Amino acid sequence: MQYQINHFNMTLNLPTREIRPRSHTIGNDSDVKHLQKQVAITVDIMHKNIQLGLNRAENLDDLERRSCIMEEKTKRMARITRAVREKHCWENTKTWIIVISVVMIIIGIIMILMIFGIINKFID
């Protein structure tokens, strides 16, 4: 027996079963109604499971879309961070150059004053 499930595009091959007559017949309509009720409950549960599967698929698609957006934002943030780091590194380098230049100028002035003997007058 083959069942075609159109939504999922798959075929189930179930073994056929020989239906043998029972030794007794169904006694009344309440047995049939009870079986119909069980079948209806089973069908309802199957529909709910299929709906849950479809909802899960939609949630996974949404999650994948959001993860792609976050990945793009992460790459953009990495570029911005790299640019800011390079900018601060250059500013730090300029600051050190200025500090070293000022120290060298002060040392130069002190050496010139020592050469001409002006500082030696203050020390003696």
C-alpha atoms as a PDB file:
ATOM      1  CA  MET A   1       0.000   0.000   0.000  1.00  0.00           C
ATOM      2  CA  GLN A   2       1.446   3.381  -0.950  1.00  0.00           C
ATOM      3  CA  TYR A   3       0.550   6.694   0.610  1.00  0.00           C
ATOM      4  CA  GLN A   4       1.563   9.910  -1.079  1.00  0.00           C
ATOM      5  CA  ILE A   5       2.161  12.856   1.239  1.00  0.00           C
ATOM      6  CA  ASN A   6       2.161  15.869  -1.047  1.00  0.00           C
ATOM      7  CA  HIS A   7       3.465  18.449   1.391  1.00  0.00           C
ATOM      8  CA  PHE A   8       6.658  16.595   2.236  1.00  0.00           C
ATOM      9  CA  ASN A   9       7.165  14.937  -1.195  1.00  0.00           C
ATOM     10  CA  MET A  10       7.751  11.490   0.131  1.00  0.00           C
ATOM     11  CA  THR A  11       6.138   8.114  -0.435  1.00  0.00           C
ATOM     12  CA  LEU A  12       5.581   5.587   2.291  1.00  0.00           C
ATOM     13  CA  ASN A  13       5.610   1.954   1.283  1.00  0.00           C
ATOM     14  CA  LEU A  14       3.696   0.110   3.930  1.00  0.00           C
ATOM     15  CA  PRO A  15       3.182  -3.620   3.811  1.00  0.00           C
ATOM     16  CA  THR A  16      -0.339  -4.655   2.961  1.00  0.00           C
ATOM     17  CA  ARG A  17      -2.151  -6.696   5.508  1.00  0.00           C
ATOM     18  CA  GLU A  18      -4.740  -9.259   4.862  1.00  0.00           C
ATOM     19  CA  ILE A  19      -7.977  -8.370   6.534  1.00  0.00           C
ATOM     20  CA  ARG A  20      -9.468 -11.437   8.098  1.00  0.00           C
ATOM     21  CA  PRO A  21     -13.020 -11.511   9.241  1.00  0.00           C
ATOM     22  CA  ARG A  22     -13.367 -11.626  12.958  1.00  0.00           C
ATOM     23  CA  SER A  23     -15.134 -14.360  14.683  1.00  0.00           C
ATOM     24  CA  HIS A  24     -17.614 -11.857  15.985  1.00  0.00           C
ATOM     25  CA  THR A  25     -19.164  -8.800  14.433  1.00  0.00           C
ATOM     26  CA  ILE A  26     -19.234  -5.348  15.890  1.00  0.00           C
ATOM     27  CA  GLY A  27     -22.046  -5.368  18.356  1.00  0.00           C
ATOM     28  CA  ASN A  28     -23.447  -1.878  18.062  1.00  0.00           C
ATOM     29  CA  ASP A  29     -22.936   1.616  16.732  1.00  0.00           C
ATOM     30  CA  SER A  30     -21.173   2.778  19.896  1.00  0.00           C
ATOM     31  CA  ASP A  31     -18.117   0.658  18.994  1.00  0.00           C
ATOM     32  CA  VAL A  32     -17.983   2.237  15.537  1.00  0.00           C
ATOM     33  CA  LYS A  33     -18.445   5.719  16.965  1.00  0.00           C
ATOM     34  CA  HIS A  34     -15.710   5.032  19.500  1.00  0.00           C
ATOM     35  CA  LEU A  35     -13.312   3.955  16.717  1.00  0.00           C
ATOM     36  CA  GLN A  36     -14.268   6.981  14.607  1.00  0.00           C
ATOM     37  CA  LYS A  37     -13.596   9.230  17.588  1.00  0.00           C
ATOM     38  CA  GLN A  38     -10.152   7.656  18.089  1.00  0.00           C
ATOM     39  CA  VAL A  39      -9.366   8.076  14.394  1.00  0.00           C
ATOM     40  CA  ALA A  40     -10.484  11.726  14.540  1.00  0.00           C
ATOM     41  CA  ILE A  41      -8.279  12.324  17.584  1.00  0.00           C
ATOM     42  CA  THR A  42      -5.317  10.679  15.826  1.00  0.00           C
ATOM     43  CA  VAL A  43      -5.862  12.747  12.678  1.00  0.00           C
ATOM     44  CA  ASP A  44      -6.082  15.909  14.793  1.00  0.00           C
ATOM     45  CA  ILE A  45      -2.812  15.044  16.538  1.00  0.00           C
ATOM     46  CA  MET A  46      -1.153  14.393  13.163  1.00  0.00           C
ATOM     47  CA  HIS A  47      -2.349  17.762  11.846  1.00  0.00           C
ATOM     48  CA  LYS A  48      -0.986  19.501  14.940  1.00  0.00           C
ATOM     49  CA  ASN A  49       2.373  17.725  14.535  1.00  0.00           C
ATOM     50  CA  ILE A  50       2.595  18.759  10.883  1.00  0.00           C
ATOM     51  CA  GLN A  51       1.734  22.347  11.829  1.00  0.00           C
ATOM     52  CA  LEU A  52       4.394  22.304  14.552  1.00  0.00           C
ATOM     53  CA  GLY A  53       6.917  21.026  12.000  1.00  0.00           C
ATOM     54  CA  LEU A  54       6.026  23.834   9.603  1.00  0.00           C
ATOM     55  CA  ASN A  55       6.274  26.407  12.415  1.00  0.00           C
ATOM     56  CA  ARG A  56       9.670  25.012  13.355  1.00  0.00           C
ATOM     57  CA  ALA A  57      10.830  25.335   9.748  1.00  0.00           C
ATOM     58  CA  GLU A  58       9.664  28.970   9.672  1.00  0.00           C
ATOM     59  CA  ASN A  59      11.463  29.656  12.964  1.00  0.00           C
ATOM     60  CA  LEU A  60      14.657  28.094  11.602  1.00  0.00           C
ATOM     61  CA  ASP A  61      14.432  30.238   8.473  1.00  0.00           C
ATOM     62  CA  ASP A  62      13.980  33.349  10.610  1.00  0.00           C
ATOM     63  CA  LEU A  63      16.895  32.338  12.811  1.00  0.00           C
ATOM     64  CA  GLU A  64      19.106  31.796   9.769  1.00  0.00           C
ATOM     65  CA  ARG A  65      18.129  35.217   8.363  1.00  0.00           C
ATOM     66  CA  ARG A  66      18.893  36.935  11.669  1.00  0.00           C
ATOM     67  CA  SER A  67      22.221  35.118  11.963  1.00  0.00           C
ATOM     68  CA  CYS A  68      23.227  36.349   8.484  1.00  0.00           C
ATOM     69  CA  ILE A  69      22.354  39.913   9.507  1.00  0.00           C
ATOM     70  CA  MET A  70      24.405  39.569  12.692  1.00  0.00           C
ATOM     71  CA  GLU A  71      27.349  38.180  10.722  1.00  0.00           C
ATOM     72  CA  GLU A  72      27.294  41.206   8.396  1.00  0.00           C
ATOM     73  CA  LYS A  73      27.117  43.568  11.387  1.00  0.00           C
ATOM     74  CA  THR A  74      30.050  41.740  12.989  1.00  0.00           C
ATOM     75  CA  LYS A  75      32.180  42.143   9.861  1.00  0.00           C
ATOM     76  CA  ARG A  76      31.314  45.849   9.667  1.00  0.00           C
ATOM     77  CA  MET A  77      32.148  46.318  13.346  1.00  0.00           C
ATOM     78  CA  ALA A  78      35.493  44.547  12.859  1.00  0.00           C
ATOM     79  CA  ARG A  79      36.370  46.977  10.035  1.00  0.00           C
ATOM     80  CA  ILE A  80      35.400  49.979  12.171  1.00  0.00           C
ATOM     81  CA  THR A  81      37.384  48.624  15.128  1.00  0.00           C
ATOM     82  CA  ARG A  82      40.461  48.130  12.961  1.00  0.00           C
ATOM     83  CA  ALA A  83      40.206  51.697  11.639  1.00  0.00           C
ATOM     84  CA  VAL A  84      39.818  53.139  15.150  1.00  0.00           C
ATOM     85  CA  ARG A  85      42.766  51.073  16.420  1.00  0.00           C
ATOM     86  CA  GLU A  86      44.987  52.319  13.589  1.00  0.00           C
ATOM     87  CA  LYS A  87      43.889  55.910  14.235  1.00  0.00           C
ATOM     88  CA  HIS A  88      44.725  55.685  17.949  1.00  0.00           C
ATOM     89  CA  CYS A  89      48.021  53.958  17.224  1.00  0.00           C
ATOM     90  CA  TRP A  90      49.030  56.833  14.921  1.00  0.00           C
ATOM     91  CA  GLU A  91      47.946  59.393  17.535  1.00  0.00           C
ATOM     92  CA  ASN A  92      49.978  57.532  20.174  1.00  0.00           C
ATOM     93  CA  THR A  93      53.003  57.522  17.870  1.00  0.00           C
ATOM     94  CA  LYS A  94      52.688  61.274  17.269  1.00  0.00           C
ATOM     95  CA  THR A  95      52.456  61.893  21.025  1.00  0.00           C
ATOM     96  CA  TRP A  96      55.649  59.914  21.678  1.00  0.00           C
ATOM     97  CA  ILE A  97      57.448  61.778  18.904  1.00  0.00           C
ATOM     98  CA  ILE A  98      56.445  65.121  20.465  1.00  0.00           C
ATOM     99  CA  VAL A  99      57.460  64.003  23.991  1.00  0.00           C
ATOM    100  CA  ILE A 100      60.845  62.715  22.798  1.00  0.00           C
ATOM    101  CA  SER A 101      61.436  65.927  20.799  1.00  0.00           C
ATOM    102  CA  VAL A 102      60.667  68.113  23.817  1.00  0.00           C
ATOM    103  CA  VAL A 103      63.003  66.039  26.028  1.00  0.00           C
ATOM    104  CA  MET A 104      65.763  66.263  23.394  1.00  0.00           C
ATOM    105  CA  ILE A 105      65.319  70.046  23.139  1.00  0.00           C
ATOM    106  CA  ILE A 106      65.519  70.406  26.932  1.00  0.00           C
ATOM    107  CA  ILE A 107      68.656  68.230  27.043  1.00  0.00           C
ATOM    108  CA  GLY A 108      70.133  70.290  24.183  1.00  0.00           C
ATOM    109  CA  ILE A 109      69.422  73.562  26.000  1.00  0.00           C
ATOM    110  CA  ILE A 110      71.006  72.206  29.188  1.00  0.00           C
ATOM    111  CA  MET A 111      74.115  71.088  27.256  1.00  0.00           C
ATOM    112  CA  ILE A 112      74.431  74.487  25.540  1.00  0.00           C
ATOM    113  CA  LEU A 113      74.155  76.241  28.872  1.00  0.00           C
ATOM    114  CA  MET A 114      76.791  73.911  30.342  1.00  0.00           C
ATOM    115  CA  ILE A 115      79.107  74.607  27.424  1.00  0.00           C
ATOM    116  CA  PHE A 116      78.904  78.350  27.957  1.00  0.00           C
ATOM    117  CA  GLY A 117      79.267  77.908  31.707  1.00  0.00           C
ATOM    118  CA  ILE A 118      75.999  79.504  32.744  1.00  0.00           C
ATOM    119  CA  ILE A 119      74.852  76.462  34.739  1.00  0.00           C
ATOM    120  CA  ASN A 120      78.250  76.059  36.395  1.00  0.00           C
ATOM    121  CA  LYS A 121      77.765  79.467  38.014  1.00  0.00           C
ATOM    122  CA  PHE A 122      74.556  78.280  39.645  1.00  0.00           C
ATOM    123  CA  ILE A 123      76.081  74.985  40.800  1.00  0.00           C
ATOM    124  CA  ASP A 124      79.205  76.594  42.443  1.00  0.00           C
END
